[in-house]
Amino acid sequence: MLAGAAALAGTVMAAPASAATPASICGSGYYVLDSHAVGAYATVYVLYKSGGDNCAVTLLKKPDGKKHQLGVYLRYQGGTMQKDVDMYSTYAGPVYVHAPSKCIEWSGLSGIDDGTYVSPWEFCD
């Protein structure tokens, strides 16, 4: 019994990872402009940082430890689509565009339930 207790005493339990937030994923100075459900299982977020920097991420609402197809897309009018689509267990992205005074379109994809969202062109200031 004591040998088992000694063995357990040497075991270090990993602390649970802190939950990722859109702002922590995009980086310092970013704040959420808007979000939208992507089916029942994910949410896409668009963020902004002063100077015209935009970021987007798609997060699972309740990560289950399994990988699911997730996608995030971001572009400004006339610009090339920035995207990240793959199998992820927590989130897709971040993707970035520098678009001062330009309209942006942001989108998300959740392969769990074929959820999608595509924003209108917005945030044009």
N, C-alpha and C. Protein backbone atom coordinates (compact mmCIF):
# COMPACT_ATOMS: atom_id res chain seq x y z
N MET A 1 0.82 -1.18 0.00
CA MET A 1 0.00 0.00 0.00
C MET A 1 0.87 1.25 0.00
N LEU A 2 1.91 1.27 0.84
CA LEU A 2 2.78 2.43 0.88
C LEU A 2 3.55 2.61 -0.42
N ALA A 3 3.92 1.53 -1.08
CA ALA A 3 4.63 1.64 -2.35
C ALA A 3 3.74 2.31 -3.38
N GLY A 4 2.45 1.94 -3.38
CA GLY A 4 1.50 2.56 -4.32
C GLY A 4 1.32 4.04 -4.02
N ALA A 5 1.23 4.38 -2.74
CA ALA A 5 1.08 5.79 -2.37
C ALA A 5 2.31 6.58 -2.75
N ALA A 6 3.50 5.98 -2.58
CA ALA A 6 4.74 6.67 -2.94
C ALA A 6 4.79 6.88 -4.45
N ALA A 7 4.33 5.91 -5.20
CA ALA A 7 4.33 6.06 -6.66
C ALA A 7 3.37 7.16 -7.08
N LEU A 8 2.20 7.22 -6.44
CA LEU A 8 1.23 8.27 -6.77
C LEU A 8 1.74 9.64 -6.38
N ALA A 9 2.48 9.71 -5.28
CA ALA A 9 2.99 11.00 -4.82
C ALA A 9 3.95 11.60 -5.84
N GLY A 10 4.62 10.75 -6.62
CA GLY A 10 5.54 11.25 -7.63
C GLY A 10 4.86 11.62 -8.93
N THR A 11 3.57 11.33 -9.05
CA THR A 11 2.84 11.64 -10.27
C THR A 11 2.36 13.08 -10.23
N VAL A 12 2.64 13.81 -11.25
CA VAL A 12 2.20 15.19 -11.34
C VAL A 12 1.02 15.25 -12.29
N MET A 13 -0.08 15.78 -11.83
CA MET A 13 -1.27 15.91 -12.66
C MET A 13 -1.17 17.22 -13.43
N ALA A 14 -1.38 17.13 -14.73
CA ALA A 14 -1.33 18.34 -15.56
C ALA A 14 -2.55 19.20 -15.28
N ALA A 15 -2.34 20.47 -15.17
CA ALA A 15 -3.46 21.39 -14.98
C ALA A 15 -4.23 21.50 -16.29
N PRO A 16 -5.54 21.64 -16.22
CA PRO A 16 -6.31 21.77 -17.45
C PRO A 16 -5.90 23.03 -18.21
N ALA A 17 -5.86 22.91 -19.54
CA ALA A 17 -5.50 24.07 -20.36
C ALA A 17 -6.58 25.13 -20.22
N SER A 18 -6.16 26.37 -20.16
CA SER A 18 -7.14 27.43 -20.07
C SER A 18 -7.88 27.54 -21.40
N ALA A 19 -9.12 27.91 -21.32
CA ALA A 19 -9.94 28.00 -22.52
C ALA A 19 -9.43 29.11 -23.43
N ALA A 20 -9.31 28.79 -24.69
CA ALA A 20 -8.90 29.78 -25.68
C ALA A 20 -10.04 30.77 -25.90
N THR A 21 -9.70 32.03 -26.01
CA THR A 21 -10.69 33.06 -26.35
C THR A 21 -10.29 33.65 -27.70
N PRO A 22 -11.24 34.23 -28.41
CA PRO A 22 -10.88 34.83 -29.70
C PRO A 22 -9.73 35.84 -29.57
N ALA A 23 -9.78 36.69 -28.55
CA ALA A 23 -8.73 37.70 -28.38
C ALA A 23 -7.38 37.07 -28.06
N SER A 24 -7.36 36.00 -27.26
CA SER A 24 -6.08 35.36 -26.95
C SER A 24 -5.51 34.65 -28.17
N ILE A 25 -6.36 34.16 -29.05
CA ILE A 25 -5.91 33.50 -30.26
C ILE A 25 -5.34 34.51 -31.26
N CYS A 26 -6.03 35.63 -31.43
CA CYS A 26 -5.58 36.64 -32.41
C CYS A 26 -4.36 37.41 -31.92
N GLY A 27 -4.28 37.67 -30.62
CA GLY A 27 -3.12 38.35 -30.09
C GLY A 27 -3.44 39.67 -29.42
N SER A 28 -2.42 40.27 -28.90
CA SER A 28 -2.54 41.50 -28.12
C SER A 28 -3.18 42.63 -28.92
N GLY A 29 -4.13 43.31 -28.29
CA GLY A 29 -4.75 44.49 -28.87
C GLY A 29 -6.00 44.21 -29.68
N TYR A 30 -6.30 42.96 -29.97
CA TYR A 30 -7.51 42.63 -30.74
C TYR A 30 -8.72 42.55 -29.83
N TYR A 31 -9.87 43.05 -30.33
CA TYR A 31 -11.12 42.91 -29.60
C TYR A 31 -12.21 42.45 -30.57
N VAL A 32 -13.21 41.76 -30.05
CA VAL A 32 -14.27 41.18 -30.86
C VAL A 32 -15.19 42.27 -31.38
N LEU A 33 -15.37 42.30 -32.71
CA LEU A 33 -16.34 43.19 -33.34
C LEU A 33 -17.71 42.53 -33.42
N ASP A 34 -17.70 41.23 -33.77
CA ASP A 34 -18.96 40.53 -33.98
C ASP A 34 -18.71 39.02 -33.95
N SER A 35 -19.78 38.26 -33.80
CA SER A 35 -19.70 36.81 -33.84
C SER A 35 -21.01 36.28 -34.40
N HIS A 36 -20.96 35.03 -34.87
CA HIS A 36 -22.16 34.40 -35.40
C HIS A 36 -22.04 32.89 -35.25
N ALA A 37 -23.17 32.25 -34.94
CA ALA A 37 -23.19 30.79 -34.85
C ALA A 37 -22.87 30.19 -36.21
N VAL A 38 -22.13 29.09 -36.18
CA VAL A 38 -21.81 28.31 -37.36
C VAL A 38 -22.41 26.93 -37.11
N GLY A 39 -23.66 26.75 -37.46
CA GLY A 39 -24.36 25.53 -37.08
C GLY A 39 -24.58 25.54 -35.58
N ALA A 40 -24.78 24.35 -35.02
CA ALA A 40 -25.05 24.25 -33.59
C ALA A 40 -23.80 24.08 -32.73
N TYR A 41 -22.63 23.85 -33.38
CA TYR A 41 -21.46 23.44 -32.61
C TYR A 41 -20.28 24.40 -32.62
N ALA A 42 -20.35 25.47 -33.38
CA ALA A 42 -19.20 26.39 -33.46
C ALA A 42 -19.69 27.83 -33.60
N THR A 43 -18.75 28.74 -33.37
CA THR A 43 -19.00 30.18 -33.53
C THR A 43 -17.82 30.78 -34.25
N VAL A 44 -18.10 31.66 -35.22
CA VAL A 44 -17.04 32.40 -35.90
C VAL A 44 -17.02 33.81 -35.32
N TYR A 45 -15.81 34.32 -35.11
CA TYR A 45 -15.60 35.66 -34.54
C TYR A 45 -14.75 36.48 -35.49
N VAL A 46 -15.07 37.77 -35.57
CA VAL A 46 -14.21 38.71 -36.28
C VAL A 46 -13.74 39.74 -35.26
N LEU A 47 -12.45 40.03 -35.32
CA LEU A 47 -11.84 40.94 -34.35
C LEU A 47 -11.11 42.06 -35.08
N TYR A 48 -10.83 43.12 -34.34
CA TYR A 48 -10.17 44.29 -34.91
C TYR A 48 -9.12 44.80 -33.94
N LYS A 49 -8.06 45.34 -34.52
CA LYS A 49 -7.02 46.02 -33.76
C LYS A 49 -6.75 47.34 -34.45
N SER A 50 -6.55 48.37 -33.70
CA SER A 50 -6.35 49.71 -34.25
C SER A 50 -5.29 49.70 -35.35
N GLY A 51 -5.55 50.51 -36.36
CA GLY A 51 -4.65 50.59 -37.51
C GLY A 51 -5.16 49.82 -38.72
N GLY A 52 -6.33 49.19 -38.59
CA GLY A 52 -6.91 48.50 -39.73
C GLY A 52 -6.61 47.01 -39.78
N ASP A 53 -6.16 46.41 -38.67
CA ASP A 53 -5.86 44.98 -38.64
C ASP A 53 -7.10 44.19 -38.22
N ASN A 54 -7.45 43.19 -39.01
CA ASN A 54 -8.60 42.34 -38.73
C ASN A 54 -8.13 40.90 -38.56
N CYS A 55 -8.87 40.15 -37.76
CA CYS A 55 -8.56 38.76 -37.48
C CYS A 55 -9.88 38.00 -37.40
N ALA A 56 -9.87 36.71 -37.76
CA ALA A 56 -11.06 35.88 -37.62
C ALA A 56 -10.65 34.49 -37.14
N VAL A 57 -11.52 33.89 -36.31
CA VAL A 57 -11.33 32.53 -35.80
C VAL A 57 -12.69 31.85 -35.70
N THR A 58 -12.70 30.53 -35.84
CA THR A 58 -13.90 29.73 -35.60
C THR A 58 -13.60 28.80 -34.43
N LEU A 59 -14.41 28.87 -33.38
CA LEU A 59 -14.21 28.06 -32.17
C LEU A 59 -15.35 27.08 -31.97
N LEU A 60 -14.99 25.87 -31.57
CA LEU A 60 -16.02 24.92 -31.14
C LEU A 60 -16.63 25.43 -29.85
N LYS A 61 -17.94 25.27 -29.70
CA LYS A 61 -18.61 25.72 -28.47
C LYS A 61 -18.26 24.82 -27.29
N LYS A 62 -18.19 23.50 -27.52
CA LYS A 62 -17.86 22.55 -26.46
C LYS A 62 -16.88 21.53 -27.02
N PRO A 63 -15.58 21.84 -26.98
CA PRO A 63 -14.60 20.88 -27.48
C PRO A 63 -14.73 19.53 -26.77
N ASP A 64 -14.66 18.45 -27.54
CA ASP A 64 -14.82 17.11 -27.00
C ASP A 64 -13.55 16.27 -27.10
N GLY A 65 -12.44 16.90 -27.47
CA GLY A 65 -11.18 16.19 -27.59
C GLY A 65 -10.98 15.52 -28.94
N LYS A 66 -12.02 15.50 -29.77
CA LYS A 66 -11.92 14.90 -31.10
C LYS A 66 -11.66 15.99 -32.13
N LYS A 67 -11.06 15.60 -33.25
CA LYS A 67 -10.85 16.56 -34.33
C LYS A 67 -12.06 16.58 -35.26
N HIS A 68 -12.45 17.79 -35.63
CA HIS A 68 -13.58 18.01 -36.52
C HIS A 68 -13.14 18.99 -37.60
N GLN A 69 -13.78 18.92 -38.75
CA GLN A 69 -13.46 19.90 -39.78
C GLN A 69 -14.00 21.26 -39.34
N LEU A 70 -13.10 22.23 -39.29
CA LEU A 70 -13.45 23.61 -38.96
C LEU A 70 -12.77 24.52 -39.97
N GLY A 71 -13.42 25.63 -40.27
CA GLY A 71 -12.83 26.57 -41.20
C GLY A 71 -13.15 28.01 -40.83
N VAL A 72 -12.25 28.89 -41.23
CA VAL A 72 -12.45 30.32 -41.05
C VAL A 72 -11.89 31.03 -42.28
N TYR A 73 -12.59 32.07 -42.72
CA TYR A 73 -12.24 32.80 -43.94
C TYR A 73 -12.35 34.29 -43.66
N LEU A 74 -11.46 35.07 -44.27
CA LEU A 74 -11.47 36.52 -44.07
C LEU A 74 -10.87 37.18 -45.30
N ARG A 75 -11.53 38.21 -45.79
CA ARG A 75 -10.97 38.97 -46.91
C ARG A 75 -11.53 40.38 -46.89
N TYR A 76 -10.82 41.27 -47.57
CA TYR A 76 -11.35 42.61 -47.77
C TYR A 76 -11.73 42.72 -49.23
N GLN A 77 -12.64 43.66 -49.52
CA GLN A 77 -13.15 43.81 -50.87
C GLN A 77 -12.00 44.08 -51.83
N GLY A 78 -11.88 43.20 -52.83
CA GLY A 78 -10.80 43.31 -53.80
C GLY A 78 -9.55 42.55 -53.40
N GLY A 79 -9.54 41.95 -52.21
CA GLY A 79 -8.36 41.25 -51.73
C GLY A 79 -8.48 39.74 -51.84
N THR A 80 -7.39 39.07 -51.57
CA THR A 80 -7.33 37.62 -51.61
C THR A 80 -7.89 37.04 -50.32
N MET A 81 -8.66 35.97 -50.44
CA MET A 81 -9.23 35.29 -49.29
C MET A 81 -8.12 34.65 -48.45
N GLN A 82 -8.13 34.94 -47.16
CA GLN A 82 -7.25 34.27 -46.21
C GLN A 82 -8.10 33.20 -45.53
N LYS A 83 -7.59 31.97 -45.46
CA LYS A 83 -8.42 30.91 -44.90
C LYS A 83 -7.58 29.89 -44.15
N ASP A 84 -8.27 29.18 -43.27
CA ASP A 84 -7.69 28.05 -42.55
C ASP A 84 -8.80 27.02 -42.41
N VAL A 85 -8.67 25.92 -43.12
CA VAL A 85 -9.67 24.84 -43.08
C VAL A 85 -8.91 23.53 -42.89
N ASP A 86 -9.23 22.81 -41.81
CA ASP A 86 -8.55 21.55 -41.53
C ASP A 86 -9.33 20.84 -40.43
N MET A 87 -8.75 19.77 -39.92
CA MET A 87 -9.33 19.02 -38.81
C MET A 87 -8.72 19.56 -37.51
N TYR A 88 -9.57 20.12 -36.64
CA TYR A 88 -9.10 20.72 -35.40
C TYR A 88 -9.95 20.26 -34.22
N SER A 89 -9.35 20.27 -33.04
CA SER A 89 -10.08 19.87 -31.85
C SER A 89 -10.64 21.04 -31.05
N THR A 90 -10.20 22.26 -31.36
CA THR A 90 -10.65 23.42 -30.59
C THR A 90 -11.08 24.60 -31.49
N TYR A 91 -10.18 25.02 -32.40
CA TYR A 91 -10.50 26.18 -33.23
C TYR A 91 -9.71 26.16 -34.53
N ALA A 92 -10.24 26.90 -35.52
CA ALA A 92 -9.55 27.16 -36.78
C ALA A 92 -9.13 28.62 -36.80
N GLY A 93 -7.98 28.88 -37.37
CA GLY A 93 -7.46 30.23 -37.43
C GLY A 93 -6.32 30.37 -36.45
N PRO A 94 -5.87 31.55 -36.28
CA PRO A 94 -6.43 32.80 -36.78
C PRO A 94 -6.00 33.09 -38.22
N VAL A 95 -6.82 33.89 -38.90
CA VAL A 95 -6.45 34.44 -40.20
C VAL A 95 -6.53 35.95 -40.09
N TYR A 96 -5.68 36.63 -40.83
CA TYR A 96 -5.56 38.08 -40.70
C TYR A 96 -5.64 38.78 -42.05
N VAL A 97 -6.19 40.00 -42.05
CA VAL A 97 -6.07 40.92 -43.19
C VAL A 97 -5.87 42.33 -42.64
N HIS A 98 -5.05 43.07 -43.33
CA HIS A 98 -4.86 44.48 -43.02
C HIS A 98 -5.73 45.23 -44.01
N ALA A 99 -6.76 45.90 -43.52
CA ALA A 99 -7.75 46.50 -44.42
C ALA A 99 -8.29 47.82 -43.90
N PRO A 100 -7.42 48.81 -43.71
CA PRO A 100 -7.93 50.10 -43.23
C PRO A 100 -8.87 50.72 -44.25
N SER A 101 -10.02 51.17 -43.80
CA SER A 101 -11.03 51.83 -44.63
C SER A 101 -11.54 50.96 -45.76
N LYS A 102 -11.53 49.63 -45.57
CA LYS A 102 -12.05 48.71 -46.57
C LYS A 102 -13.07 47.79 -45.92
N CYS A 103 -14.09 47.41 -46.69
CA CYS A 103 -15.08 46.47 -46.21
C CYS A 103 -14.46 45.08 -46.11
N ILE A 104 -14.91 44.31 -45.11
CA ILE A 104 -14.44 42.93 -44.97
C ILE A 104 -15.62 41.97 -44.99
N GLU A 105 -15.31 40.73 -45.36
CA GLU A 105 -16.26 39.62 -45.31
C GLU A 105 -15.59 38.52 -44.49
N TRP A 106 -16.31 37.96 -43.55
CA TRP A 106 -15.77 36.92 -42.68
C TRP A 106 -16.74 35.75 -42.65
N SER A 107 -16.19 34.54 -42.58
CA SER A 107 -17.02 33.35 -42.70
C SER A 107 -16.48 32.24 -41.82
N GLY A 108 -17.37 31.30 -41.48
CA GLY A 108 -16.98 30.13 -40.70
C GLY A 108 -17.63 28.87 -41.24
N LEU A 109 -17.01 27.74 -40.92
CA LEU A 109 -17.48 26.42 -41.36
C LEU A 109 -17.32 25.43 -40.22
N SER A 110 -18.35 24.62 -40.00
CA SER A 110 -18.28 23.52 -39.05
C SER A 110 -18.74 22.26 -39.76
N GLY A 111 -17.82 21.31 -39.92
CA GLY A 111 -18.15 20.07 -40.60
C GLY A 111 -18.96 19.11 -39.75
N ILE A 112 -19.12 19.40 -38.47
CA ILE A 112 -19.88 18.52 -37.59
C ILE A 112 -21.32 18.40 -38.09
N ASP A 113 -21.92 19.55 -38.39
CA ASP A 113 -23.31 19.56 -38.85
C ASP A 113 -23.47 20.36 -40.15
N ASP A 114 -22.36 20.48 -40.90
CA ASP A 114 -22.37 21.25 -42.15
C ASP A 114 -22.83 22.69 -41.94
N GLY A 115 -22.52 23.24 -40.77
CA GLY A 115 -22.87 24.62 -40.48
C GLY A 115 -21.96 25.59 -41.23
N THR A 116 -22.55 26.65 -41.73
CA THR A 116 -21.78 27.71 -42.39
C THR A 116 -22.38 29.07 -42.04
N TYR A 117 -21.55 30.06 -42.13
CA TYR A 117 -21.99 31.44 -42.02
C TYR A 117 -21.09 32.28 -42.90
N VAL A 118 -21.68 33.18 -43.68
CA VAL A 118 -20.94 34.14 -44.49
C VAL A 118 -21.53 35.52 -44.20
N SER A 119 -20.69 36.41 -43.73
CA SER A 119 -21.16 37.76 -43.39
C SER A 119 -21.41 38.57 -44.67
N PRO A 120 -22.19 39.63 -44.53
CA PRO A 120 -22.22 40.60 -45.62
C PRO A 120 -20.91 41.40 -45.59
N TRP A 121 -20.67 42.20 -46.62
CA TRP A 121 -19.54 43.13 -46.58
C TRP A 121 -19.85 44.16 -45.52
N GLU A 122 -18.96 44.33 -44.57
CA GLU A 122 -19.24 45.25 -43.47
C GLU A 122 -17.97 45.83 -42.86
N PHE A 123 -18.16 46.67 -41.84
CA PHE A 123 -17.06 47.35 -41.14
C PHE A 123 -16.22 48.14 -42.14
N CYS A 124 -16.87 48.92 -42.95
CA CYS A 124 -16.23 49.60 -44.08
C CYS A 124 -15.50 50.88 -43.70
N ASP A 125 -15.56 51.28 -42.45
CA ASP A 125 -14.91 52.55 -42.05
C ASP A 125 -13.43 52.37 -41.85
